[in-house]
N, C-alpha and C. Protein backbone atom coordinates (compact mmCIF):
# COMPACT_ATOMS: atom_id res chain seq x y z
N MET A 1 73.21 53.92 -18.13
CA MET A 1 71.91 54.18 -17.53
C MET A 1 71.00 54.92 -18.52
N MET A 2 71.54 55.71 -19.32
CA MET A 2 70.78 56.43 -20.29
C MET A 2 70.19 55.53 -21.37
N VAL A 3 70.87 54.49 -21.68
CA VAL A 3 70.46 53.55 -22.72
C VAL A 3 69.19 52.79 -22.27
N LEU A 4 69.10 52.41 -21.02
CA LEU A 4 67.95 51.66 -20.50
C LEU A 4 66.66 52.46 -20.59
N SER A 5 66.62 53.74 -20.26
CA SER A 5 65.41 54.55 -20.27
C SER A 5 64.92 54.75 -21.70
N LYS A 6 65.80 54.78 -22.69
CA LYS A 6 65.43 54.94 -24.07
C LYS A 6 64.59 53.74 -24.54
N TYR A 7 64.96 52.54 -24.18
CA TYR A 7 64.22 51.32 -24.58
C TYR A 7 62.90 51.19 -23.87
N ARG A 8 62.80 51.63 -22.68
CA ARG A 8 61.55 51.55 -21.91
C ARG A 8 60.48 52.44 -22.53
N GLN A 9 60.81 53.59 -23.06
CA GLN A 9 59.84 54.51 -23.62
C GLN A 9 59.33 54.03 -24.96
N GLN A 10 60.03 53.21 -25.70
CA GLN A 10 59.58 52.71 -27.02
C GLN A 10 58.39 51.76 -26.88
N GLY A 11 58.30 51.04 -25.86
CA GLY A 11 57.18 50.10 -25.64
C GLY A 11 55.87 50.85 -25.31
N PHE A 12 55.93 52.06 -24.80
CA PHE A 12 54.76 52.82 -24.48
C PHE A 12 53.95 53.16 -25.73
N THR A 13 54.56 53.50 -26.82
CA THR A 13 53.89 53.85 -28.06
C THR A 13 53.13 52.65 -28.60
N LEU A 14 53.73 51.48 -28.54
CA LEU A 14 53.06 50.27 -28.99
C LEU A 14 51.85 49.97 -28.17
N LEU A 15 51.97 50.09 -26.82
CA LEU A 15 50.86 49.86 -25.94
C LEU A 15 49.73 50.87 -26.21
N ALA A 16 50.06 52.12 -26.40
CA ALA A 16 49.04 53.15 -26.71
C ALA A 16 48.32 52.83 -28.01
N MET A 17 49.04 52.37 -29.01
CA MET A 17 48.41 52.04 -30.28
C MET A 17 47.46 50.84 -30.13
N LEU A 18 47.86 49.86 -29.36
CA LEU A 18 46.98 48.71 -29.13
C LEU A 18 45.71 49.12 -28.43
N ILE A 19 45.79 50.02 -27.49
CA ILE A 19 44.60 50.49 -26.77
C ILE A 19 43.69 51.27 -27.74
N VAL A 20 44.27 52.12 -28.57
CA VAL A 20 43.47 52.89 -29.54
C VAL A 20 42.80 51.93 -30.54
N ILE A 21 43.49 50.94 -31.02
CA ILE A 21 42.91 49.99 -31.98
C ILE A 21 41.78 49.21 -31.33
N ASN A 22 41.96 48.77 -30.08
CA ASN A 22 40.91 48.05 -29.36
C ASN A 22 39.65 48.94 -29.18
N LEU A 23 39.85 50.21 -28.78
CA LEU A 23 38.74 51.13 -28.61
C LEU A 23 38.01 51.38 -29.92
N MET A 24 38.74 51.47 -31.01
CA MET A 24 38.12 51.67 -32.34
C MET A 24 37.31 50.42 -32.70
N GLY A 25 37.83 49.27 -32.45
CA GLY A 25 37.10 48.00 -32.74
C GLY A 25 35.83 47.88 -31.93
N LEU A 26 35.90 48.27 -30.67
CA LEU A 26 34.73 48.20 -29.80
C LEU A 26 33.66 49.19 -30.28
N SER A 27 34.06 50.39 -30.61
CA SER A 27 33.08 51.41 -31.08
C SER A 27 32.49 50.98 -32.40
N LEU A 28 33.26 50.40 -33.30
CA LEU A 28 32.71 49.91 -34.57
C LEU A 28 31.72 48.75 -34.37
N SER A 29 32.00 47.90 -33.43
CA SER A 29 31.04 46.83 -33.18
C SER A 29 29.74 47.34 -32.59
N LEU A 30 29.82 48.32 -31.74
CA LEU A 30 28.61 48.92 -31.18
C LEU A 30 27.81 49.65 -32.30
N CYS A 31 28.51 50.33 -33.16
CA CYS A 31 27.83 51.01 -34.31
C CYS A 31 27.16 49.94 -35.21
N GLY A 32 27.85 48.85 -35.41
CA GLY A 32 27.28 47.80 -36.27
C GLY A 32 25.97 47.21 -35.66
N LYS A 33 25.92 47.01 -34.37
CA LYS A 33 24.71 46.53 -33.73
C LYS A 33 23.59 47.58 -33.84
N TYR A 34 23.95 48.81 -33.61
CA TYR A 34 22.99 49.89 -33.71
C TYR A 34 22.43 49.98 -35.14
N TRP A 35 23.30 49.94 -36.12
CA TRP A 35 22.88 50.00 -37.52
C TRP A 35 21.99 48.80 -37.90
N TYR A 36 22.35 47.61 -37.41
CA TYR A 36 21.53 46.43 -37.67
C TYR A 36 20.11 46.60 -37.12
N THR A 37 20.00 47.14 -35.91
CA THR A 37 18.68 47.35 -35.28
C THR A 37 17.87 48.34 -36.11
N ILE A 38 18.48 49.46 -36.52
CA ILE A 38 17.80 50.45 -37.30
C ILE A 38 17.31 49.83 -38.63
N LYS A 39 18.17 49.08 -39.29
CA LYS A 39 17.84 48.45 -40.56
C LYS A 39 16.68 47.47 -40.39
N LYS A 40 16.72 46.66 -39.32
CA LYS A 40 15.68 45.67 -39.08
C LYS A 40 14.37 46.34 -38.78
N ARG A 41 14.36 47.43 -38.06
CA ARG A 41 13.10 48.16 -37.79
C ARG A 41 12.51 48.72 -39.08
N GLU A 42 13.35 49.22 -39.98
CA GLU A 42 12.85 49.72 -41.26
C GLU A 42 12.25 48.58 -42.12
N VAL A 43 12.89 47.43 -42.10
CA VAL A 43 12.38 46.28 -42.84
C VAL A 43 11.03 45.85 -42.28
N GLU A 44 10.89 45.88 -40.95
CA GLU A 44 9.60 45.53 -40.34
C GLU A 44 8.51 46.53 -40.71
N LYS A 45 8.84 47.81 -40.72
CA LYS A 45 7.88 48.82 -41.14
C LYS A 45 7.44 48.56 -42.59
N GLU A 46 8.38 48.25 -43.44
CA GLU A 46 8.08 47.98 -44.83
C GLU A 46 7.21 46.71 -44.98
N LEU A 47 7.54 45.70 -44.18
CA LEU A 47 6.71 44.48 -44.19
C LEU A 47 5.29 44.77 -43.81
N ILE A 48 5.08 45.55 -42.78
CA ILE A 48 3.73 45.92 -42.35
C ILE A 48 3.03 46.75 -43.44
N PHE A 49 3.72 47.67 -44.04
CA PHE A 49 3.14 48.50 -45.10
C PHE A 49 2.70 47.62 -46.27
N ARG A 50 3.61 46.73 -46.74
CA ARG A 50 3.29 45.89 -47.88
C ARG A 50 2.17 44.90 -47.59
N GLY A 51 2.22 44.34 -46.40
CA GLY A 51 1.13 43.40 -46.01
C GLY A 51 -0.22 44.12 -45.97
N CYS A 52 -0.23 45.33 -45.45
CA CYS A 52 -1.49 46.10 -45.41
C CYS A 52 -1.98 46.46 -46.82
N GLN A 53 -1.01 46.72 -47.69
CA GLN A 53 -1.40 47.00 -49.10
C GLN A 53 -2.08 45.80 -49.72
N PHE A 54 -1.62 44.60 -49.41
CA PHE A 54 -2.26 43.39 -49.90
C PHE A 54 -3.67 43.27 -49.29
N ILE A 55 -3.82 43.57 -48.01
CA ILE A 55 -5.16 43.50 -47.39
C ILE A 55 -6.09 44.49 -48.08
N LYS A 56 -5.63 45.69 -48.32
CA LYS A 56 -6.48 46.71 -49.00
C LYS A 56 -6.83 46.26 -50.41
N ALA A 57 -5.88 45.68 -51.12
CA ALA A 57 -6.11 45.22 -52.49
C ALA A 57 -7.12 44.08 -52.49
N ILE A 58 -6.98 43.14 -51.59
CA ILE A 58 -7.93 42.02 -51.49
C ILE A 58 -9.31 42.55 -51.14
N ASP A 59 -9.38 43.54 -50.25
CA ASP A 59 -10.66 44.14 -49.89
C ASP A 59 -11.28 44.82 -51.10
N SER A 60 -10.46 45.55 -51.89
CA SER A 60 -10.97 46.22 -53.11
C SER A 60 -11.52 45.17 -54.10
N TYR A 61 -10.76 44.09 -54.27
CA TYR A 61 -11.19 43.02 -55.17
C TYR A 61 -12.52 42.46 -54.72
N TYR A 62 -12.61 42.21 -53.43
CA TYR A 62 -13.81 41.59 -52.82
C TYR A 62 -15.00 42.52 -52.93
N GLU A 63 -14.81 43.79 -52.54
CA GLU A 63 -15.92 44.76 -52.54
C GLU A 63 -16.38 45.12 -53.94
N ASN A 64 -15.50 45.05 -54.93
CA ASN A 64 -15.87 45.44 -56.30
C ASN A 64 -16.28 44.19 -57.13
N SER A 65 -16.67 43.16 -56.49
CA SER A 65 -17.15 41.96 -57.20
C SER A 65 -18.39 42.32 -58.00
N PRO A 66 -18.38 41.99 -59.28
CA PRO A 66 -19.62 42.25 -60.08
C PRO A 66 -20.72 41.31 -59.64
N GLY A 67 -21.95 41.79 -59.67
CA GLY A 67 -23.04 40.95 -59.19
C GLY A 67 -23.19 40.98 -57.69
N SER A 68 -23.95 40.03 -57.20
CA SER A 68 -24.22 40.04 -55.75
C SER A 68 -23.31 39.10 -54.97
N THR A 69 -22.60 38.23 -55.65
CA THR A 69 -21.70 37.28 -55.02
C THR A 69 -20.28 37.91 -54.84
N MET A 70 -19.86 38.03 -53.59
CA MET A 70 -18.52 38.55 -53.33
C MET A 70 -17.52 37.42 -53.44
N THR A 71 -16.42 37.67 -54.15
CA THR A 71 -15.40 36.63 -54.34
C THR A 71 -14.02 37.24 -54.05
N TYR A 72 -13.08 36.30 -53.76
CA TYR A 72 -11.71 36.65 -53.52
C TYR A 72 -10.90 36.28 -54.78
N PRO A 73 -9.70 36.86 -54.94
CA PRO A 73 -8.89 36.48 -56.12
C PRO A 73 -8.36 35.04 -56.01
N SER A 74 -8.14 34.46 -57.15
CA SER A 74 -7.58 33.08 -57.15
C SER A 74 -6.07 33.10 -57.19
N LYS A 75 -5.50 34.20 -57.62
CA LYS A 75 -4.03 34.34 -57.60
C LYS A 75 -3.68 35.83 -57.42
N LEU A 76 -2.47 36.08 -56.93
CA LEU A 76 -2.08 37.47 -56.66
C LEU A 76 -2.12 38.36 -57.87
N SER A 77 -1.79 37.80 -59.01
CA SER A 77 -1.78 38.62 -60.23
C SER A 77 -3.15 39.15 -60.60
N ASP A 78 -4.21 38.53 -60.09
CA ASP A 78 -5.58 39.05 -60.31
C ASP A 78 -5.75 40.40 -59.68
N LEU A 79 -4.95 40.73 -58.67
CA LEU A 79 -5.02 42.04 -58.05
C LEU A 79 -4.46 43.13 -58.93
N LEU A 80 -3.55 42.74 -59.85
CA LEU A 80 -2.95 43.70 -60.82
C LEU A 80 -3.88 43.94 -62.00
N ASN A 81 -4.51 42.90 -62.47
CA ASN A 81 -5.42 42.99 -63.59
C ASN A 81 -6.61 42.08 -63.33
N ASP A 82 -7.67 42.67 -62.88
CA ASP A 82 -8.86 41.91 -62.51
C ASP A 82 -9.51 41.28 -63.73
N PRO A 83 -9.52 39.93 -63.86
CA PRO A 83 -10.08 39.30 -65.06
C PRO A 83 -11.60 39.33 -65.12
N ARG A 84 -12.25 39.82 -64.10
CA ARG A 84 -13.70 39.88 -64.10
C ARG A 84 -14.25 41.06 -64.88
N PHE A 85 -13.39 41.99 -65.25
CA PHE A 85 -13.82 43.20 -65.96
C PHE A 85 -13.23 43.21 -67.36
N ALA A 86 -13.94 43.80 -68.30
CA ALA A 86 -13.48 43.89 -69.70
C ALA A 86 -12.33 44.89 -69.83
N TYR A 87 -12.31 45.90 -69.00
CA TYR A 87 -11.21 46.85 -69.00
C TYR A 87 -10.20 46.48 -67.90
N LYS A 88 -9.04 47.14 -67.94
CA LYS A 88 -8.00 46.86 -66.94
C LYS A 88 -8.35 47.51 -65.61
N LYS A 89 -8.67 46.71 -64.63
CA LYS A 89 -8.99 47.20 -63.28
C LYS A 89 -7.89 46.71 -62.32
N ARG A 90 -7.20 47.69 -61.66
CA ARG A 90 -6.14 47.37 -60.74
C ARG A 90 -6.61 47.58 -59.32
N HIS A 91 -6.22 46.66 -58.45
CA HIS A 91 -6.51 46.77 -57.03
C HIS A 91 -5.22 47.09 -56.25
N ILE A 92 -4.07 46.86 -56.89
CA ILE A 92 -2.77 47.13 -56.27
C ILE A 92 -1.84 47.60 -57.37
N ARG A 93 -0.89 48.45 -57.04
CA ARG A 93 0.02 48.96 -58.06
C ARG A 93 0.98 47.93 -58.59
N ARG A 94 1.50 47.09 -57.69
CA ARG A 94 2.40 46.03 -58.11
C ARG A 94 2.39 44.95 -57.03
N ILE A 95 2.89 43.78 -57.40
CA ILE A 95 3.07 42.70 -56.42
C ILE A 95 4.39 42.98 -55.71
N TYR A 96 4.27 43.41 -54.47
CA TYR A 96 5.48 43.79 -53.72
C TYR A 96 6.34 42.59 -53.41
N LYS A 97 7.66 42.81 -53.36
CA LYS A 97 8.57 41.78 -52.95
C LYS A 97 8.54 41.64 -51.43
N ASN A 98 8.94 40.46 -50.99
CA ASN A 98 9.10 40.20 -49.56
C ASN A 98 10.29 41.06 -49.07
N PRO A 99 10.05 42.01 -48.14
CA PRO A 99 11.16 42.89 -47.73
C PRO A 99 12.17 42.19 -46.79
N VAL A 100 11.75 41.14 -46.12
CA VAL A 100 12.66 40.46 -45.16
C VAL A 100 13.63 39.57 -45.93
N GLU A 101 13.12 38.79 -46.84
CA GLU A 101 13.93 37.86 -47.67
C GLU A 101 13.50 38.07 -49.12
N PRO A 102 14.07 39.06 -49.83
CA PRO A 102 13.65 39.41 -51.18
C PRO A 102 13.63 38.25 -52.18
N ASN A 103 14.41 37.20 -51.96
CA ASN A 103 14.41 36.08 -52.88
C ASN A 103 13.23 35.14 -52.65
N ASN A 104 12.54 35.27 -51.54
CA ASN A 104 11.42 34.38 -51.24
C ASN A 104 10.09 35.12 -51.51
N GLU A 105 9.16 34.40 -52.09
CA GLU A 105 7.89 34.97 -52.45
C GLU A 105 6.93 35.01 -51.23
N TRP A 106 5.88 35.78 -51.41
CA TRP A 106 4.79 35.80 -50.41
C TRP A 106 4.05 34.47 -50.46
N GLN A 107 3.66 33.99 -49.34
CA GLN A 107 2.78 32.81 -49.25
C GLN A 107 1.37 33.28 -49.15
N THR A 108 0.46 32.50 -49.69
CA THR A 108 -0.94 32.93 -49.68
C THR A 108 -1.74 32.10 -48.67
N ILE A 109 -2.76 32.76 -48.10
CA ILE A 109 -3.68 32.12 -47.22
C ILE A 109 -4.99 31.96 -48.01
N VAL A 110 -5.43 30.76 -48.19
CA VAL A 110 -6.58 30.53 -49.06
C VAL A 110 -7.78 29.98 -48.24
N ASP A 111 -8.97 30.18 -48.78
CA ASP A 111 -10.19 29.63 -48.13
C ASP A 111 -10.47 28.23 -48.74
N LYS A 112 -11.62 27.68 -48.42
CA LYS A 112 -11.95 26.33 -48.89
C LYS A 112 -12.04 26.27 -50.41
N GLY A 113 -12.39 27.38 -51.03
CA GLY A 113 -12.51 27.43 -52.52
C GLY A 113 -11.21 27.77 -53.21
N LYS A 114 -10.08 27.71 -52.50
CA LYS A 114 -8.77 28.03 -53.02
C LYS A 114 -8.66 29.51 -53.46
N ARG A 115 -9.41 30.38 -52.81
CA ARG A 115 -9.36 31.82 -53.11
C ARG A 115 -8.50 32.48 -52.04
N ILE A 116 -7.74 33.48 -52.43
CA ILE A 116 -6.77 34.13 -51.56
C ILE A 116 -7.48 35.09 -50.60
N ARG A 117 -7.29 34.85 -49.32
CA ARG A 117 -7.83 35.72 -48.25
C ARG A 117 -6.75 36.56 -47.61
N GLY A 118 -5.49 36.16 -47.80
CA GLY A 118 -4.41 36.93 -47.16
C GLY A 118 -3.04 36.43 -47.61
N VAL A 119 -2.01 37.08 -47.05
CA VAL A 119 -0.63 36.71 -47.38
C VAL A 119 0.22 36.71 -46.10
N TYR A 120 1.36 36.07 -46.20
CA TYR A 120 2.37 36.11 -45.13
C TYR A 120 3.70 35.69 -45.73
N ILE A 121 4.77 35.89 -44.98
CA ILE A 121 6.08 35.51 -45.52
C ILE A 121 6.55 34.29 -44.70
N LYS A 122 7.36 33.48 -45.35
CA LYS A 122 7.85 32.26 -44.74
C LYS A 122 9.23 32.50 -44.20
N SER A 123 9.31 33.17 -43.06
CA SER A 123 10.59 33.51 -42.43
C SER A 123 10.54 33.13 -40.99
N GLU A 124 11.54 32.41 -40.53
CA GLU A 124 11.63 32.00 -39.13
C GLU A 124 12.40 33.02 -38.27
N MET A 125 12.77 34.17 -38.86
CA MET A 125 13.50 35.18 -38.11
C MET A 125 12.57 35.78 -37.04
N GLU A 126 13.19 36.20 -35.95
CA GLU A 126 12.42 36.80 -34.85
C GLU A 126 12.31 38.31 -35.05
N PRO A 127 11.10 38.82 -34.98
CA PRO A 127 10.93 40.29 -35.17
C PRO A 127 11.35 41.07 -33.91
N LEU A 128 11.74 42.30 -34.12
CA LEU A 128 12.06 43.20 -32.98
C LEU A 128 10.74 43.69 -32.40
N LYS A 129 9.78 44.01 -33.27
CA LYS A 129 8.51 44.57 -32.85
C LYS A 129 7.63 43.44 -32.31
N LYS A 130 7.22 43.59 -31.08
CA LYS A 130 6.36 42.54 -30.44
C LYS A 130 5.00 43.12 -30.04
N ASP A 131 4.88 44.43 -29.91
CA ASP A 131 3.60 45.04 -29.52
C ASP A 131 3.49 46.40 -30.17
N GLY A 132 2.40 47.11 -29.88
CA GLY A 132 2.16 48.43 -30.42
C GLY A 132 1.65 48.40 -31.86
N PHE A 133 0.98 47.32 -32.22
CA PHE A 133 0.41 47.19 -33.55
C PHE A 133 -0.97 47.90 -33.60
N PRO A 134 -1.32 48.44 -34.78
CA PRO A 134 -2.68 49.02 -34.87
C PRO A 134 -3.77 47.94 -34.73
N GLY A 135 -4.99 48.40 -34.51
CA GLY A 135 -6.12 47.48 -34.20
C GLY A 135 -6.28 46.30 -35.12
N GLU A 136 -6.22 46.52 -36.44
CA GLU A 136 -6.43 45.40 -37.36
C GLU A 136 -5.29 44.40 -37.38
N LEU A 137 -4.15 44.79 -36.79
CA LEU A 137 -2.99 43.90 -36.72
C LEU A 137 -2.69 43.49 -35.29
N SER A 138 -3.64 43.65 -34.36
CA SER A 138 -3.39 43.38 -32.98
C SER A 138 -3.08 41.88 -32.71
N HIS A 139 -3.43 41.03 -33.68
CA HIS A 139 -3.13 39.60 -33.50
C HIS A 139 -1.63 39.31 -33.69
N PHE A 140 -0.82 40.32 -34.07
CA PHE A 140 0.62 40.20 -34.20
C PHE A 140 1.32 40.29 -32.85
N ILE A 141 0.65 40.82 -31.84
CA ILE A 141 1.28 41.04 -30.54
C ILE A 141 1.81 39.73 -29.96
N GLY A 142 3.09 39.77 -29.61
CA GLY A 142 3.75 38.63 -28.98
C GLY A 142 4.20 37.53 -29.92
N ARG A 143 4.05 37.73 -31.22
CA ARG A 143 4.46 36.69 -32.15
C ARG A 143 5.98 36.54 -32.21
N GLU A 144 6.44 35.32 -32.37
CA GLU A 144 7.89 35.05 -32.23
C GLU A 144 8.61 34.93 -33.56
N ARG A 145 7.87 34.87 -34.66
CA ARG A 145 8.49 34.75 -36.01
C ARG A 145 7.72 35.59 -37.02
N TYR A 146 8.37 36.01 -38.04
CA TYR A 146 7.70 36.77 -39.11
C TYR A 146 6.62 35.92 -39.78
N SER A 147 6.85 34.64 -39.84
CA SER A 147 5.85 33.76 -40.48
C SER A 147 4.51 33.74 -39.70
N ASP A 148 4.54 34.18 -38.46
CA ASP A 148 3.31 34.29 -37.68
C ASP A 148 2.52 35.59 -37.97
N TRP A 149 3.14 36.52 -38.70
CA TRP A 149 2.48 37.77 -39.06
C TRP A 149 1.66 37.49 -40.31
N LYS A 150 0.39 37.18 -40.14
CA LYS A 150 -0.50 36.87 -41.26
C LYS A 150 -1.41 38.03 -41.56
N PHE A 151 -1.33 38.53 -42.80
CA PHE A 151 -2.15 39.66 -43.22
C PHE A 151 -3.38 39.09 -43.92
N ILE A 152 -4.49 39.05 -43.18
CA ILE A 152 -5.71 38.39 -43.63
C ILE A 152 -6.84 39.42 -43.77
N HIS A 153 -7.57 39.32 -44.84
CA HIS A 153 -8.74 40.19 -45.07
C HIS A 153 -9.95 39.61 -44.33
N HIS A 154 -10.60 40.47 -43.59
CA HIS A 154 -11.85 40.10 -42.90
C HIS A 154 -12.93 41.01 -43.45
N PRO A 155 -13.91 40.48 -44.16
CA PRO A 155 -14.92 41.32 -44.74
C PRO A 155 -15.72 42.04 -43.70
N THR A 156 -16.07 43.25 -44.00
CA THR A 156 -16.93 44.02 -43.08
C THR A 156 -18.39 43.86 -43.53
N LYS A 157 -19.27 43.75 -42.60
CA LYS A 157 -20.67 43.59 -42.90
C LYS A 157 -21.27 44.96 -43.23
N LYS A 158 -21.89 45.07 -44.40
CA LYS A 158 -22.58 46.32 -44.78
C LYS A 158 -24.00 46.25 -44.36
N GLN A 159 -24.52 47.39 -43.93
CA GLN A 159 -25.90 47.45 -43.48
C GLN A 159 -26.76 48.11 -44.51
């Protein structure tokens, strides 16, 4: 009789270990989802920051046009070194990388004269952020893909 009770207790340790391992796996998967969400929100913030930097740079290029005719840049590198001036004039510190897909370049939005009015990224990923955008980006509300987030310069009328 004593031999039977000894064997029954050995299975309990194995069962307890399986429960502990399953609980650890569940908690790790929950942490992974939480970490992924935090990382994606940071990437979205960076995308908005970089896109707004391009809008500001295009605005600076446009507003600092020599003469009376306002023009847009013909390529993004013109924002780094404005060819319209004899000295080095910068409108942006650097051409930022695409934060969502660093291997993919920014796409440009051009007008009829092939001049750059804005930028966007070519990503079909769905953003977490769907609302709560500042006024100049209110057209992002409800967009289903990052490629729908278009950072476009709209000139302001001076009086």
